[in-house]
C-alpha atoms as a PDB file:
ATOM      1  CA  MET A   1      18.113  -1.881  -8.318  1.00  0.00           C
ATOM      2  CA  GLU A   2      20.340  -1.710 -11.399  1.00  0.00           C
ATOM      3  CA  ASN A   3      18.654   1.244 -13.163  1.00  0.00           C
ATOM      4  CA  ARG A   4      18.451   3.330  -9.982  1.00  0.00           C
ATOM      5  CA  GLU A   5      22.156   2.867  -9.331  1.00  0.00           C
ATOM      6  CA  PHE A   6      23.094   3.699 -12.923  1.00  0.00           C
ATOM      7  CA  PHE A   7      21.082   6.939 -12.963  1.00  0.00           C
ATOM      8  CA  ASN A   8      22.252   7.963  -9.501  1.00  0.00           C
ATOM      9  CA  ASP A   9      25.864   7.577 -10.656  1.00  0.00           C
ATOM     10  CA  ILE A  10      25.349   9.608 -13.813  1.00  0.00           C
ATOM     11  CA  ALA A  11      22.918  12.236 -12.464  1.00  0.00           C
ATOM     12  CA  GLU A  12      25.485  15.039 -12.091  1.00  0.00           C
ATOM     13  CA  LYS A  13      26.602  14.647 -15.717  1.00  0.00           C
ATOM     14  CA  TRP A  14      23.176  14.047 -17.233  1.00  0.00           C
ATOM     15  CA  ASP A  15      22.329  17.574 -18.426  1.00  0.00           C
ATOM     16  CA  SER A  16      25.738  17.935 -20.100  1.00  0.00           C
ATOM     17  CA  ILE A  17      25.633  14.671 -22.030  1.00  0.00           C
ATOM     18  CA  CYS A  18      22.019  14.694 -23.224  1.00  0.00           C
ATOM     19  CA  CYS A  19      20.688  16.852 -26.051  1.00  0.00           C
ATOM     20  CA  HIS A  20      17.031  17.887 -26.200  1.00  0.00           C
ATOM     21  CA  PRO A  21      16.647  20.592 -28.887  1.00  0.00           C
ATOM     22  CA  GLU A  22      13.919  23.063 -27.942  1.00  0.00           C
ATOM     23  CA  LYS A  23      12.380  23.035 -31.402  1.00  0.00           C
ATOM     24  CA  LYS A  24      11.968  19.230 -31.309  1.00  0.00           C
ATOM     25  CA  VAL A  25      10.589  19.158 -27.773  1.00  0.00           C
ATOM     26  CA  LYS A  26       8.061  21.837 -28.727  1.00  0.00           C
ATOM     27  CA  TYR A  27       7.067  19.691 -31.731  1.00  0.00           C
ATOM     28  CA  ILE A  28       6.169  16.890 -29.341  1.00  0.00           C
ATOM     29  CA  PHE A  29       4.169  19.152 -27.066  1.00  0.00           C
ATOM     30  CA  ASP A  30       2.238  20.470 -30.039  1.00  0.00           C
ATOM     31  CA  LYS A  31       1.160  16.860 -30.607  1.00  0.00           C
ATOM     32  CA  ILE A  32       0.300  16.303 -26.916  1.00  0.00           C
ATOM     33  CA  ASN A  33      -1.900  19.409 -26.837  1.00  0.00           C
ATOM     34  CA  LEU A  34      -2.068  19.800 -23.060  1.00  0.00           C
ATOM     35  CA  GLU A  35      -4.813  22.029 -21.704  1.00  0.00           C
ATOM     36  CA  ARG A  36      -4.421  24.703 -19.030  1.00  0.00           C
ATOM     37  CA  GLY A  37      -5.330  23.403 -15.619  1.00  0.00           C
ATOM     38  CA  SER A  38      -4.393  19.834 -16.477  1.00  0.00           C
ATOM     39  CA  SER A  39      -2.870  17.416 -13.975  1.00  0.00           C
ATOM     40  CA  VAL A  40       0.234  15.734 -15.363  1.00  0.00           C
ATOM     41  CA  LEU A  41       2.490  12.898 -14.218  1.00  0.00           C
ATOM     42  CA  ASP A  42       5.970  13.135 -15.732  1.00  0.00           C
ATOM     43  CA  ILE A  43       7.453   9.661 -15.325  1.00  0.00           C
ATOM     44  CA  GLY A  44      11.152   8.975 -15.678  1.00  0.00           C
ATOM     45  CA  SER A  45      11.370  12.706 -15.119  1.00  0.00           C
ATOM     46  CA  GLY A  46      15.104  12.654 -14.416  1.00  0.00           C
ATOM     47  CA  THR A  47      16.572  16.141 -14.060  1.00  0.00           C
ATOM     48  CA  GLY A  48      13.316  17.652 -15.297  1.00  0.00           C
ATOM     49  CA  VAL A  49      14.044  18.261 -18.983  1.00  0.00           C
ATOM     50  CA  VAL A  50      10.398  18.684 -19.939  1.00  0.00           C
ATOM     51  CA  ILE A  51       9.136  20.264 -16.716  1.00  0.00           C
ATOM     52  CA  PRO A  52       9.294  23.857 -18.088  1.00  0.00           C
ATOM     53  CA  TYR A  53       7.421  22.785 -21.237  1.00  0.00           C
ATOM     54  CA  ILE A  54       4.666  21.107 -19.181  1.00  0.00           C
ATOM     55  CA  GLU A  55       4.388  24.096 -16.858  1.00  0.00           C
ATOM     56  CA  LYS A  56       4.026  26.482 -19.775  1.00  0.00           C
ATOM     57  CA  GLU A  57       1.108  24.450 -21.124  1.00  0.00           C
ATOM     58  CA  ILE A  58      -0.804  23.715 -17.913  1.00  0.00           C
ATOM     59  CA  GLY A  59      -0.275  27.082 -16.168  1.00  0.00           C
ATOM     60  CA  MET A  60      -0.241  27.636 -12.436  1.00  0.00           C
ATOM     61  CA  GLU A  61      -3.770  26.291 -12.190  1.00  0.00           C
ATOM     62  CA  GLY A  62      -2.493  22.890 -13.327  1.00  0.00           C
ATOM     63  CA  LYS A  63      -0.689  20.272 -11.264  1.00  0.00           C
ATOM     64  CA  LEU A  64       2.537  18.426 -12.096  1.00  0.00           C
ATOM     65  CA  THR A  65       4.181  15.458 -10.379  1.00  0.00           C
ATOM     66  CA  ALA A  66       7.738  14.593 -11.422  1.00  0.00           C
ATOM     67  CA  LEU A  67       8.410  10.896 -10.759  1.00  0.00           C
ATOM     68  CA  ASP A  68      11.713   9.084 -10.997  1.00  0.00           C
ATOM     69  CA  VAL A  69      13.279   6.001  -9.431  1.00  0.00           C
ATOM     70  CA  SER A  70      16.604   7.891  -8.965  1.00  0.00           C
ATOM     71  CA  GLU A  71      16.754  10.159  -5.926  1.00  0.00           C
ATOM     72  CA  LYS A  72      19.879  11.866  -7.299  1.00  0.00           C
ATOM     73  CA  MET A  73      18.093  12.841 -10.479  1.00  0.00           C
ATOM     74  CA  ILE A  74      15.174  14.235  -8.498  1.00  0.00           C
ATOM     75  CA  GLU A  75      17.582  16.077  -6.211  1.00  0.00           C
ATOM     76  CA  ILE A  76      19.042  17.915  -9.196  1.00  0.00           C
ATOM     77  CA  SER A  77      15.593  18.599 -10.629  1.00  0.00           C
ATOM     78  CA  ARG A  78      14.462  20.124  -7.292  1.00  0.00           C
ATOM     79  CA  LYS A  79      17.390  22.580  -7.496  1.00  0.00           C
ATOM     80  CA  LYS A  80      16.435  23.573 -11.062  1.00  0.00           C
ATOM     81  CA  HIS A  81      12.667  23.845 -10.725  1.00  0.00           C
ATOM     82  CA  SER A  82      10.629  25.646  -8.070  1.00  0.00           C
ATOM     83  CA  TYR A  83       7.105  25.925  -9.481  1.00  0.00           C
ATOM     84  CA  ASN A  84       4.454  26.181  -6.814  1.00  0.00           C
ATOM     85  CA  ASN A  85       2.305  23.545  -8.505  1.00  0.00           C
ATOM     86  CA  LEU A  86       5.141  21.009  -8.855  1.00  0.00           C
ATOM     87  CA  ASN A  87       5.619  17.959  -6.634  1.00  0.00           C
ATOM     88  CA  PHE A  88       8.363  15.373  -6.717  1.00  0.00           C
ATOM     89  CA  ALA A  89       8.221  11.644  -6.032  1.00  0.00           C
ATOM     90  CA  VAL A  90      11.061   9.123  -5.843  1.00  0.00           C
ATOM     91  CA  GLU A  91       9.414   5.826  -6.679  1.00  0.00           C
ATOM     92  CA  ASP A  92       9.104   2.968  -9.146  1.00  0.00           C
ATOM     93  CA  PHE A  93       6.320   3.827 -11.574  1.00  0.00           C
ATOM     94  CA  TYR A  94       4.929   0.269 -11.396  1.00  0.00           C
ATOM     95  CA  LEU A  95       4.446   0.695  -7.623  1.00  0.00           C
ATOM     96  CA  TYR A  96       3.254   4.319  -7.644  1.00  0.00           C
ATOM     97  CA  SER A  97      -0.214   5.063  -6.317  1.00  0.00           C
ATOM     98  CA  CYS A  98      -2.230   8.235  -5.822  1.00  0.00           C
ATOM     99  CA  ILE A  99      -5.741   9.218  -4.777  1.00  0.00           C
ATOM    100  CA  LYS A 100      -6.518  11.547  -7.674  1.00  0.00           C
ATOM    101  CA  ARG A 101      -6.209  10.538 -11.319  1.00  0.00           C
ATOM    102  CA  TYR A 102      -4.211  12.420 -13.955  1.00  0.00           C
ATOM    103  CA  ASP A 103      -5.215  14.065 -17.214  1.00  0.00           C
ATOM    104  CA  CYS A 104      -1.933  13.079 -18.825  1.00  0.00           C
ATOM    105  CA  ILE A 105       1.037  10.791 -18.181  1.00  0.00           C
ATOM    106  CA  ILE A 106       4.234  11.630 -20.091  1.00  0.00           C
ATOM    107  CA  ALA A 107       7.112   9.206 -20.575  1.00  0.00           C
ATOM    108  CA  TYR A 108       9.663  11.409 -22.340  1.00  0.00           C
ATOM    109  CA  SER A 109      12.937   9.812 -23.379  1.00  0.00           C
ATOM    110  CA  CYS A 110      12.548   6.920 -20.929  1.00  0.00           C
ATOM    111  CA  TYR A 111      10.119   4.298 -22.249  1.00  0.00           C
ATOM    112  CA  PRO A 112      12.752   1.595 -23.006  1.00  0.00           C
ATOM    113  CA  HIS A 113      13.606   1.476 -19.285  1.00  0.00           C
ATOM    114  CA  PHE A 114      10.135   0.164 -18.515  1.00  0.00           C
ATOM    115  CA  THR A 115      10.797  -3.440 -19.504  1.00  0.00           C
ATOM    116  CA  ASP A 116       7.284  -4.823 -18.993  1.00  0.00           C
ATOM    117  CA  SER A 117       5.272  -3.003 -21.661  1.00  0.00           C
ATOM    118  CA  LYS A 118       1.990  -4.699 -20.862  1.00  0.00           C
ATOM    119  CA  ALA A 119       2.255  -3.791 -17.168  1.00  0.00           C
ATOM    120  CA  PHE A 120       3.391  -0.271 -18.123  1.00  0.00           C
ATOM    121  CA  PHE A 121       0.236   0.563 -20.071  1.00  0.00           C
ATOM    122  CA  GLU A 122      -2.036  -1.163 -17.572  1.00  0.00           C
ATOM    123  CA  LYS A 123      -0.517   0.949 -14.795  1.00  0.00           C
ATOM    124  CA  ALA A 124      -0.864   4.105 -16.864  1.00  0.00           C
ATOM    125  CA  HIS A 125      -4.509   3.259 -17.548  1.00  0.00           C
ATOM    126  CA  SER A 126      -5.205   2.868 -13.813  1.00  0.00           C
ATOM    127  CA  LEU A 127      -3.693   6.285 -13.024  1.00  0.00           C
ATOM    128  CA  LEU A 128      -5.520   8.259 -15.706  1.00  0.00           C
ATOM    129  CA  LYS A 129      -8.928   9.921 -15.723  1.00  0.00           C
ATOM    130  CA  LYS A 130     -11.386   8.944 -18.428  1.00  0.00           C
ATOM    131  CA  ASP A 131     -10.082  10.314 -21.752  1.00  0.00           C
ATOM    132  CA  GLY A 132      -6.689  10.912 -20.117  1.00  0.00           C
ATOM    133  CA  LYS A 133      -3.627  10.692 -22.340  1.00  0.00           C
ATOM    134  CA  ILE A 134      -0.545   8.484 -22.222  1.00  0.00           C
ATOM    135  CA  VAL A 135       2.473   9.839 -24.123  1.00  0.00           C
ATOM    136  CA  ILE A 136       5.621   7.987 -25.208  1.00  0.00           C
ATOM    137  CA  ALA A 137       8.044  10.415 -26.868  1.00  0.00           C
ATOM    138  CA  HIS A 138      11.636  10.622 -28.058  1.00  0.00           C
ATOM    139  CA  VAL A 139      13.397  13.355 -30.068  1.00  0.00           C
ATOM    140  CA  GLU A 140      15.448  10.753 -31.890  1.00  0.00           C
ATOM    141  CA  SER A 141      14.729   7.856 -34.235  1.00  0.00           C
ATOM    142  CA  ARG A 142      14.062   4.342 -32.996  1.00  0.00           C
ATOM    143  CA  ASP A 143      17.353   3.157 -34.579  1.00  0.00           C
ATOM    144  CA  LYS A 144      19.412   5.772 -32.747  1.00  0.00           C
ATOM    145  CA  ILE A 145      17.746   5.022 -29.427  1.00  0.00           C
ATOM    146  CA  ASN A 146      18.257   1.270 -29.810  1.00  0.00           C
ATOM    147  CA  SER A 147      21.877   1.720 -30.844  1.00  0.00           C
ATOM    148  CA  ARG A 148      22.578   3.789 -27.753  1.00  0.00           C
ATOM    149  CA  HIS A 149      20.892   1.296 -25.453  1.00  0.00           C
ATOM    150  CA  ASN A 150      22.750  -1.615 -26.998  1.00  0.00           C
ATOM    151  CA  GLU A 151      25.994   0.087 -26.005  1.00  0.00           C
ATOM    152  CA  ILE A 152      25.039   0.248 -22.312  1.00  0.00           C
ATOM    153  CA  ASN A 153      22.946  -2.890 -21.880  1.00  0.00           C
ATOM    154  CA  HIS A 154      25.588  -4.363 -19.588  1.00  0.00           C
ATOM    155  CA  LYS A 155      25.008  -1.479 -17.199  1.00  0.00           C
ATOM    156  CA  ILE A 156      21.266  -1.033 -17.311  1.00  0.00           C
ATOM    157  CA  ASP A 157      18.035  -2.949 -17.708  1.00  0.00           C
ATOM    158  CA  SER A 158      16.205  -1.738 -20.838  1.00  0.00           C
ATOM    159  CA  ASN A 159      14.175  -2.964 -23.811  1.00  0.00           C
ATOM    160  CA  THR A 160      14.712  -2.467 -27.494  1.00  0.00           C
ATOM    161  CA  LEU A 161      12.277   0.148 -28.727  1.00  0.00           C
ATOM    162  CA  ASP A 162       9.758  -1.710 -30.867  1.00  0.00           C
ATOM    163  CA  GLU A 163       8.492  -0.690 -34.277  1.00  0.00           C
ATOM    164  CA  VAL A 164       5.624   1.669 -33.559  1.00  0.00           C
ATOM    165  CA  GLY A 165       2.925  -0.698 -34.713  1.00  0.00           C
ATOM    166  CA  ILE A 166       3.873  -3.190 -31.959  1.00  0.00           C
ATOM    167  CA  THR A 167       3.712  -0.494 -29.283  1.00  0.00           C
ATOM    168  CA  LEU A 168       0.339   0.688 -30.587  1.00  0.00           C
ATOM    169  CA  SER A 169      -1.001  -2.867 -30.439  1.00  0.00           C
ATOM    170  CA  ILE A 170       0.005  -3.178 -26.758  1.00  0.00           C
ATOM    171  CA  MET A 171      -1.620   0.200 -26.056  1.00  0.00           C
ATOM    172  CA  ARG A 172      -4.892  -0.869 -27.681  1.00  0.00           C
ATOM    173  CA  LYS A 173      -4.988  -4.086 -25.656  1.00  0.00           C
ATOM    174  CA  ALA A 174      -4.648  -1.933 -22.495  1.00  0.00           C
ATOM    175  CA  ASP A 175      -7.752   0.055 -23.579  1.00  0.00           C
ATOM    176  CA  PHE A 176      -6.131   3.079 -25.177  1.00  0.00           C
ATOM    177  CA  GLU A 177      -7.420   4.679 -28.339  1.00  0.00           C
ATOM    178  CA  ILE A 178      -4.534   5.846 -30.532  1.00  0.00           C
ATOM    179  CA  ILE A 179      -4.642   9.560 -31.269  1.00  0.00           C
ATOM    180  CA  TYR A 180      -1.170  10.112 -32.731  1.00  0.00           C
ATOM    181  CA  ALA A 181       1.819   8.002 -33.743  1.00  0.00           C
ATOM    182  CA  GLU A 182       5.123   8.747 -35.488  1.00  0.00           C
ATOM    183  CA  ASP A 183       8.113   6.505 -36.111  1.00  0.00           C
ATOM    184  CA  SER A 184      10.428   8.598 -38.260  1.00  0.00           C
ATOM    185  CA  SER A 185      14.075   9.560 -38.706  1.00  0.00           C
ATOM    186  CA  GLU A 186      13.537  12.399 -36.220  1.00  0.00           C
ATOM    187  CA  TYR A 187      10.959  11.203 -33.656  1.00  0.00           C
ATOM    188  CA  TYR A 188       9.326   8.257 -31.931  1.00  0.00           C
ATOM    189  CA  ILE A 189       5.934   9.320 -30.587  1.00  0.00           C
ATOM    190  CA  CYS A 190       2.880   7.328 -29.413  1.00  0.00           C
ATOM    191  CA  ILE A 191      -0.100   9.112 -27.864  1.00  0.00           C
ATOM    192  CA  GLY A 192      -3.166   7.269 -26.625  1.00  0.00           C
ATOM    193  CA  LYS A 193      -6.402   8.219 -24.913  1.00  0.00           C
ATOM    194  CA  LYS A 194      -7.847   6.107 -22.134  1.00  0.00           C
ATOM    195  CA  VAL A 195     -11.102   4.389 -22.942  1.00  0.00           C
ATOM    196  CA  GLU A 196     -13.157   2.158 -20.714  1.00  0.00           C
ATOM    197  CA  SER A 197     -12.964  -1.581 -21.229  1.00  0.00           C
ATOM    198  CA  TYR A 198     -15.755  -3.115 -23.281  1.00  0.00           C
ATOM    199  CA  ILE A 199     -15.260  -6.505 -21.640  1.00  0.00           C
END
């Protein structure tokens, strides 16, 4: 698996080469508006960049699962984070299954690596409770993200990040109501709420 190998190889360096300004991450979490006691699935969790932010919002009465296809990334995250309500899973999101449904699924700084957008939102819908949220978020502009991915496309399988209207259209077709969207020089954010199919 190309992506798994790439992220395993770079896992030890990841925290030193990536920049996630606290002010900008907090801006995103203000938009997500997690409630205390929520159950959250952090997909493409990597070394756990947003784990402390999620934990602060959901409290110890909440539940968090950090999911990533790279075992090396999860290994580093385990060393960094020891919350009692935190579980880790090394698995492909498309194949992930669980008995209980989540209140929120967060894809922070990883959405382009999920190359089948239709399947991505359908899977998210199946894992969420009614009114549960799906979050796509980046602390950089779409142009910056796409430029970076174009530089490493020979090493990794990823999509170009679409103009936000295209992503929102795919979300709606997967039975998500759009509750927030931003495609600016500073952020790329799409937040949807699960609704039941009317078909």
